[in-house]
Amino acid sequence: MIQPTDKARIAVVGAGLSGLACADALTERGHSVRVFDKGRAPGGRTSTRRADLRGVELSFDHGAQYFTVRDAELAERVRHWEEKGVVKLWAGRIAVLGTGGSVESYSHKPRYVGAPGMNAICQHLASDQDVHCGVTVGRIVPVRAGVQVLDLNGRTLGEFDFAVATAPPSQTAALLADAAPAIAARAASVVMKPCWAVMAAFESRLDVPYDGAFINEGPLSWVARTSSKPARTESPDRWVLHGSAPWSVDHLEDAAESATSQLLDAFFEAIGRHPLDPLWATAHRWRFALAENPLDEGCLFDASVGIAACGDWAHGNRVEGALLSGLAAARRVDHAASTRR
């Protein structure tokens, strides 16, 4: 247990936006934080996909597309990121499309993106953290000194005073079933919907008067010219297409090639242009993309066992919500640590 002169030992499961925002804030408060993530690198759904096309590197933000800022505390952090070149304002024109490519309206709110890719934010936050990638946490269990983190084979990854789970809600529920059943039950109540994401590169710039568009009917929900974002190469013209939640549910087990073909057809129909063959295209399936019924608690915390859970699903789905949820979890853990001293 924490001694009067000791900093808390804290495990964070997940190196996406919530986990790293939480870890960063806890490190700022002087705690010892270790982050575990099953992926090859930090990023979560802010990952940037790269591919090679005849010696030319293609990059796509195929998950989170941008973020807006309303919260004053987060705005201050974003200002520092902007000064360091980690994020930049995206000046692309954003539309809402009607039938056959008709533009119903334009949206003009400030939108930020990571530079040179959305994963730059997580890479920046991870740079000063003790991050262990390629490690899948199987369970978190209570022990007399706090909590123990175990891998999928039941081997210990360490004992800690506190743990923060930032995985999708169903995975968080499984991780915390033994140690924090109330949090596990609350997380399990959140239903996550999938999203197919198509990435496509075109030889010529597509002639549309916008760089991103919301689509409220049909197989697609969002399309974006990812090559229009700052700190990206403009050529070839690169687009990301997000399938709508209903379509993605219905086609969840489709092959990537089939999803790519169907969403490309829907794309050209939605923008009202003659179909073109892409230079390169593929699809990625996000199984846990969007909460159907997100919570509004900010984060979940059980002080009796020293366990928190956070994520965009606990704070309204948006990228800003993911960051704020991580910061909220950090505040709860830090306060609990101070009361234990």
Protein backbone atom coordinates (compact mmCIF):
# COMPACT_ATOMS: atom_id res chain seq x y z
CA MET A 1 0.00 0.00 0.00
CA ILE A 2 1.09 3.61 -0.53
CA GLN A 3 3.45 4.87 2.17
CA PRO A 4 3.43 8.53 3.30
CA THR A 5 6.45 9.46 1.18
CA ASP A 6 5.71 7.21 -1.80
CA LYS A 7 4.12 8.04 -5.10
CA ALA A 8 1.36 5.71 -6.26
CA ARG A 9 2.10 2.83 -8.60
CA ILE A 10 -0.58 2.88 -11.31
CA ALA A 11 -1.29 0.53 -14.21
CA VAL A 12 -3.12 1.87 -17.25
CA VAL A 13 -4.55 -0.65 -19.71
CA GLY A 14 -4.70 0.83 -23.20
CA ALA A 15 -2.45 3.29 -25.04
CA GLY A 16 -5.17 5.15 -26.90
CA LEU A 17 -6.26 8.71 -26.22
CA SER A 18 -8.00 8.03 -22.90
CA GLY A 19 -5.25 5.87 -21.48
CA LEU A 20 -2.42 8.15 -22.46
CA ALA A 21 -4.23 11.33 -21.40
CA CYS A 22 -4.78 9.66 -18.02
CA ALA A 23 -1.17 8.47 -17.79
CA ASP A 24 0.16 11.89 -18.77
CA ALA A 25 -1.91 13.68 -16.12
CA LEU A 26 -0.93 11.17 -13.42
CA THR A 27 2.75 11.46 -14.32
CA GLU A 28 2.43 15.25 -14.06
CA ARG A 29 1.18 14.69 -10.51
CA GLY A 30 4.29 12.68 -9.64
CA HIS A 31 2.93 9.14 -9.79
CA SER A 32 4.67 6.09 -11.26
CA VAL A 33 2.64 4.90 -14.26
CA ARG A 34 3.01 1.85 -16.48
CA VAL A 35 0.88 1.54 -19.63
CA PHE A 36 0.03 -1.78 -21.29
CA ASP A 37 -1.34 -2.10 -24.82
CA LYS A 38 -1.93 -5.12 -27.04
CA GLY A 39 -1.13 -3.19 -30.23
CA ARG A 40 2.22 -2.77 -31.92
CA ALA A 41 2.31 0.94 -31.12
CA PRO A 42 0.29 3.54 -29.21
CA GLY A 43 -2.71 5.03 -30.98
CA GLY A 44 -5.88 2.98 -30.62
CA ARG A 45 -8.50 4.39 -32.96
CA THR A 46 -6.26 7.36 -33.79
CA SER A 47 -3.95 4.99 -35.66
CA THR A 48 -2.62 6.07 -39.05
CA ARG A 49 -2.54 3.49 -41.84
CA ARG A 50 0.42 3.59 -44.22
CA ALA A 51 0.96 1.76 -47.49
CA ASP A 52 3.45 1.79 -50.34
CA LEU A 53 2.34 2.54 -53.90
CA ARG A 54 5.24 2.07 -56.30
CA GLY A 55 7.65 3.74 -53.90
CA VAL A 56 5.22 6.46 -52.80
CA GLU A 57 4.04 6.27 -49.18
CA LEU A 58 0.31 6.63 -48.71
CA SER A 59 -1.10 7.63 -45.31
CA PHE A 60 -4.70 7.55 -44.10
CA ASP A 61 -6.41 8.58 -40.85
CA HIS A 62 -8.78 5.62 -40.98
CA GLY A 63 -10.18 5.87 -37.46
CA ALA A 64 -10.74 9.15 -35.60
CA GLN A 65 -10.91 11.92 -38.19
CA TYR A 66 -10.51 15.14 -36.20
CA PHE A 67 -11.52 16.64 -32.89
CA THR A 68 -13.15 19.80 -31.62
CA VAL A 69 -12.52 21.48 -28.27
CA ARG A 70 -15.12 22.93 -25.92
CA ASP A 71 -13.58 22.27 -22.50
CA ALA A 72 -11.28 24.99 -21.12
CA GLU A 73 -8.80 22.59 -19.47
CA LEU A 74 -8.45 20.59 -22.66
CA ALA A 75 -8.17 23.76 -24.75
CA GLU A 76 -5.07 24.72 -22.76
CA ARG A 77 -3.48 21.32 -23.41
CA VAL A 78 -4.34 21.54 -27.11
CA ARG A 79 -2.73 24.98 -27.25
CA HIS A 80 0.54 23.45 -26.02
CA TRP A 81 0.23 20.61 -28.55
CA GLU A 82 -0.32 23.18 -31.29
CA GLU A 83 2.78 25.11 -30.24
CA LYS A 84 4.80 21.88 -30.49
CA GLY A 85 3.35 21.06 -33.91
CA VAL A 86 1.61 17.93 -32.62
CA VAL A 87 -1.81 19.18 -33.78
CA LYS A 88 -2.91 21.65 -36.43
CA LEU A 89 -6.18 23.25 -37.47
CA TRP A 90 -7.79 21.56 -40.46
CA ALA A 91 -9.21 24.25 -42.73
CA GLY A 92 -11.00 21.78 -45.00
CA ARG A 93 -14.55 22.61 -46.01
CA ILE A 94 -17.03 20.20 -44.38
CA ALA A 95 -20.46 19.58 -45.93
CA VAL A 96 -23.64 17.68 -45.23
CA LEU A 97 -24.73 15.83 -48.37
CA GLY A 98 -28.21 15.16 -49.67
CA THR A 99 -29.33 12.97 -52.53
CA GLY A 100 -27.04 12.56 -55.54
CA GLY A 101 -24.23 14.71 -54.19
CA SER A 102 -26.32 17.79 -53.43
CA VAL A 103 -24.88 19.92 -50.63
CA GLU A 104 -27.42 20.62 -47.90
CA SER A 105 -25.17 22.76 -45.72
CA TYR A 106 -21.61 23.51 -44.69
CA SER A 107 -20.13 23.35 -41.19
CA HIS A 108 -17.47 25.89 -40.14
CA LYS A 109 -16.44 24.96 -36.57
CA PRO A 110 -12.68 24.73 -35.82
CA ARG A 111 -11.39 21.18 -36.22
CA TYR A 112 -8.00 19.89 -35.07
CA VAL A 113 -6.02 16.97 -36.45
CA GLY A 114 -2.79 15.32 -35.40
CA ALA A 115 0.25 16.18 -37.54
CA PRO A 116 1.43 14.48 -39.66
CA GLY A 117 -1.23 11.91 -38.73
CA MET A 118 -3.91 11.50 -36.08
CA ASN A 119 -1.61 9.08 -34.24
CA ALA A 120 0.81 11.97 -33.55
CA ILE A 121 -1.19 12.88 -30.43
CA CYS A 122 -0.77 9.45 -28.86
CA GLN A 123 2.86 9.27 -29.94
CA HIS A 124 3.50 12.60 -28.23
CA LEU A 125 1.74 11.57 -25.04
CA ALA A 126 3.51 8.20 -25.00
CA SER A 127 6.97 9.68 -25.45
CA ASP A 128 7.38 10.38 -21.73
CA GLN A 129 5.54 7.26 -20.51
CA ASP A 130 6.56 3.71 -19.60
CA VAL A 131 4.56 2.03 -22.37
CA HIS A 132 4.63 -1.73 -22.97
CA CYS A 133 3.14 -2.61 -26.38
CA GLY A 134 2.36 -6.10 -27.63
CA VAL A 135 1.06 -7.02 -24.17
CA THR A 136 -2.53 -8.22 -23.76
CA VAL A 137 -3.95 -7.85 -20.26
CA GLY A 138 -6.31 -10.68 -19.39
CA ARG A 139 -7.52 -9.77 -15.90
CA ILE A 140 -7.11 -7.32 -13.07
CA VAL A 141 -7.52 -8.90 -9.63
CA PRO A 142 -7.48 -7.48 -6.10
CA VAL A 143 -4.59 -8.34 -3.80
CA ARG A 144 -3.83 -7.21 -0.27
CA ALA A 145 -1.42 -4.51 -1.44
CA GLY A 146 -3.74 -3.17 -4.17
CA VAL A 147 -4.34 -4.80 -7.54
CA GLN A 148 -2.48 -7.30 -9.68
CA VAL A 149 -2.45 -7.15 -13.47
CA LEU A 150 -2.31 -10.50 -15.29
CA ASP A 151 -1.75 -11.35 -18.92
CA LEU A 152 -3.89 -13.78 -20.95
CA ASN A 153 -1.92 -16.75 -19.58
CA GLY A 154 -2.38 -15.67 -15.98
CA ARG A 155 1.19 -14.47 -15.60
CA THR A 156 1.62 -11.39 -13.46
CA LEU A 157 2.55 -8.11 -15.10
CA GLY A 158 2.99 -6.46 -11.72
CA GLU A 159 1.24 -5.29 -8.58
CA PHE A 160 -0.03 -1.73 -8.37
CA ASP A 161 -1.83 0.59 -6.00
CA PHE A 162 -4.37 1.56 -8.69
CA ALA A 163 -5.41 0.40 -12.13
CA VAL A 164 -7.22 2.21 -14.94
CA ALA A 165 -8.94 0.25 -17.72
CA THR A 166 -9.50 2.07 -21.01
CA ALA A 167 -10.48 -0.83 -23.29
CA PRO A 168 -13.84 -0.95 -25.10
CA PRO A 169 -16.68 -1.54 -22.60
CA SER A 170 -17.16 -5.28 -23.19
CA GLN A 171 -13.44 -5.88 -22.77
CA THR A 172 -13.32 -3.61 -19.72
CA ALA A 173 -16.18 -5.61 -18.20
CA ALA A 174 -14.23 -8.84 -18.66
CA LEU A 175 -11.04 -7.33 -17.22
CA LEU A 176 -12.79 -6.05 -14.10
CA ALA A 177 -15.33 -8.81 -13.44
CA ASP A 178 -13.42 -10.06 -10.37
CA ALA A 179 -11.95 -6.86 -9.01
CA ALA A 180 -14.70 -4.29 -9.63
CA PRO A 181 -18.00 -5.99 -10.48
CA ALA A 182 -20.04 -2.78 -10.22
CA ILE A 183 -17.85 -1.04 -12.80
CA ALA A 184 -17.88 -4.19 -14.94
CA ALA A 185 -21.69 -4.25 -14.94
CA ARG A 186 -21.91 -0.57 -15.85
CA ALA A 187 -19.43 -1.00 -18.69
CA ALA A 188 -21.22 -4.10 -19.95
CA SER A 189 -24.41 -2.06 -20.35
CA VAL A 190 -22.79 0.01 -23.14
CA VAL A 191 -23.39 -1.36 -26.63
CA MET A 192 -20.67 -0.64 -29.18
CA LYS A 193 -21.36 -0.54 -32.91
CA PRO A 194 -18.79 -1.41 -35.59
CA CYS A 195 -17.58 0.66 -38.53
CA TRP A 196 -16.05 -0.42 -41.82
CA ALA A 197 -13.45 2.11 -43.01
CA VAL A 198 -12.33 2.17 -46.64
CA MET A 199 -9.08 3.86 -47.66
CA ALA A 200 -8.70 4.76 -51.34
CA ALA A 201 -6.13 6.69 -53.40
CA PHE A 202 -7.00 8.27 -56.78
CA GLU A 203 -4.67 9.47 -59.51
CA SER A 204 -6.58 12.72 -60.08
CA ARG A 205 -8.13 15.03 -57.52
CA LEU A 206 -11.85 14.34 -57.21
CA ASP A 207 -13.86 17.37 -58.31
CA VAL A 208 -16.05 18.08 -55.29
CA PRO A 209 -16.34 21.43 -53.43
CA TYR A 210 -15.56 20.01 -49.98
CA ASP A 211 -12.92 17.97 -48.15
CA GLY A 212 -15.22 16.09 -45.81
CA ALA A 213 -18.91 15.31 -45.69
CA PHE A 214 -21.51 13.83 -43.40
CA ILE A 215 -23.97 11.53 -45.17
CA ASN A 216 -27.26 10.84 -43.42
CA GLU A 217 -28.65 8.07 -45.62
CA GLY A 218 -27.37 4.97 -47.33
CA PRO A 219 -24.33 2.79 -46.52
CA LEU A 220 -22.01 5.71 -45.63
CA SER A 221 -21.95 8.10 -42.68
CA TRP A 222 -18.79 10.13 -43.41
CA VAL A 223 -16.23 10.67 -46.17
CA ALA A 224 -13.05 12.75 -46.01
CA ARG A 225 -10.19 13.79 -48.27
CA THR A 226 -7.48 12.81 -45.81
CA SER A 227 -4.85 14.31 -48.14
CA SER A 228 -6.36 17.77 -47.53
CA LYS A 229 -5.32 17.77 -43.89
CA PRO A 230 -2.26 19.81 -42.85
CA ALA A 231 1.18 18.18 -42.84
CA ARG A 232 0.05 15.53 -45.36
CA THR A 233 1.12 15.10 -48.96
CA GLU A 234 -1.61 16.26 -51.36
CA SER A 235 -0.96 13.67 -54.08
CA PRO A 236 -2.31 11.18 -54.77
CA ASP A 237 -5.83 12.24 -53.75
CA ARG A 238 -6.67 10.05 -50.74
CA TRP A 239 -10.09 9.47 -49.19
CA VAL A 240 -11.41 7.67 -46.12
CA LEU A 241 -14.98 6.37 -46.23
CA HIS A 242 -16.79 5.33 -43.05
CA GLY A 243 -19.68 2.93 -43.30
CA SER A 244 -22.79 3.77 -41.29
CA ALA A 245 -23.41 1.78 -38.11
CA PRO A 246 -26.45 -0.11 -39.52
CA TRP A 247 -24.59 -1.02 -42.71
CA SER A 248 -21.47 -2.03 -40.82
CA VAL A 249 -23.51 -4.26 -38.51
CA ASP A 250 -25.21 -5.95 -41.47
CA HIS A 251 -21.89 -6.48 -43.26
CA LEU A 252 -19.66 -7.08 -40.25
CA GLU A 253 -18.34 -10.42 -41.46
CA ASP A 254 -17.92 -9.43 -45.12
CA ALA A 255 -14.48 -9.84 -46.65
CA ALA A 256 -12.47 -6.62 -46.82
CA GLU A 257 -12.54 -6.74 -50.61
CA SER A 258 -16.34 -6.87 -50.64
CA ALA A 259 -16.67 -4.01 -48.14
CA THR A 260 -14.24 -1.94 -50.21
CA SER A 261 -16.16 -2.49 -53.45
CA GLN A 262 -19.58 -1.77 -51.95
CA LEU A 263 -18.55 1.38 -50.10
CA LEU A 264 -16.68 2.77 -53.09
CA ASP A 265 -19.86 2.33 -55.18
CA ALA A 266 -21.84 4.09 -52.43
CA PHE A 267 -19.23 6.86 -52.29
CA PHE A 268 -19.52 7.84 -55.94
CA GLU A 269 -23.30 7.66 -55.76
CA ALA A 270 -23.30 9.89 -52.67
CA ILE A 271 -21.03 12.55 -54.22
CA GLY A 272 -22.84 12.38 -57.57
CA ARG A 273 -19.77 11.57 -59.65
CA HIS A 274 -18.94 8.92 -62.23
CA PRO A 275 -17.08 6.01 -60.58
CA LEU A 276 -13.31 5.91 -60.95
CA ASP A 277 -10.99 3.01 -60.29
CA PRO A 278 -8.65 3.80 -57.39
CA LEU A 279 -4.90 3.42 -57.65
CA TRP A 280 -5.01 1.59 -54.34
CA ALA A 281 -7.78 0.70 -51.90
CA THR A 282 -8.41 -1.47 -48.88
CA ALA A 283 -10.75 -1.66 -45.88
CA HIS A 284 -10.36 -1.94 -42.12
CA ARG A 285 -13.04 -3.20 -39.75
CA TRP A 286 -13.36 -1.36 -36.44
CA ARG A 287 -15.39 -3.72 -34.26
CA PHE A 288 -15.82 -1.23 -31.41
CA ALA A 289 -16.21 2.13 -33.12
CA LEU A 290 -19.15 3.97 -31.61
CA ALA A 291 -21.22 3.59 -28.45
CA GLU A 292 -24.92 3.27 -29.15
CA ASN A 293 -25.72 4.35 -25.58
CA PRO A 294 -22.66 6.18 -24.21
CA LEU A 295 -22.46 7.03 -20.53
CA ASP A 296 -22.19 10.57 -19.25
CA GLU A 297 -20.30 9.94 -16.00
CA GLY A 298 -16.97 11.01 -17.43
CA CYS A 299 -15.31 7.95 -15.89
CA LEU A 300 -16.14 5.10 -13.51
CA PHE A 301 -14.24 4.67 -10.25
CA ASP A 302 -14.35 2.31 -7.26
CA ALA A 303 -12.26 3.84 -4.49
CA SER A 304 -12.55 0.73 -2.31
CA VAL A 305 -10.38 -1.27 -4.71
CA GLY A 306 -8.60 1.56 -6.50
CA ILE A 307 -9.87 0.81 -9.99
CA ALA A 308 -11.11 3.22 -12.66
CA ALA A 309 -12.49 2.79 -16.17
CA CYS A 310 -12.60 5.46 -18.85
CA GLY A 311 -12.96 5.97 -22.57
CA ASP A 312 -15.03 7.83 -25.14
CA TRP A 313 -17.89 5.41 -24.34
CA ALA A 314 -17.98 6.84 -20.80
CA HIS A 315 -18.05 10.46 -21.96
CA GLY A 316 -20.29 10.83 -24.99
CA ASN A 317 -18.37 9.17 -27.88
CA ARG A 318 -16.37 12.12 -29.23
CA VAL A 319 -12.55 12.37 -29.40
CA GLU A 320 -12.76 15.23 -26.90
CA GLY A 321 -14.80 12.92 -24.69
CA ALA A 322 -12.05 10.28 -24.79
CA LEU A 323 -9.46 12.82 -23.66
CA LEU A 324 -11.69 14.31 -20.97
CA SER A 325 -12.58 10.86 -19.68
CA GLY A 326 -8.90 10.04 -19.25
CA LEU A 327 -8.30 13.32 -17.42
CA ALA A 328 -11.31 12.68 -15.17
CA ALA A 329 -9.99 9.23 -14.26
CA ALA A 330 -6.60 10.75 -13.44
CA ARG A 331 -8.21 13.25 -11.07
CA ARG A 332 -10.16 10.51 -9.28
CA VAL A 333 -7.11 8.29 -8.88
CA ASP A 334 -4.87 11.15 -7.76
CA HIS A 335 -7.41 12.24 -5.15
CA ALA A 336 -7.75 8.69 -3.85
CA ALA A 337 -3.97 8.33 -3.69
CA SER A 338 -3.68 11.53 -1.67
CA THR A 339 -6.25 10.33 0.86
CA ARG A 340 -4.42 7.03 1.34
CA ARG A 341 -1.14 8.70 2.24
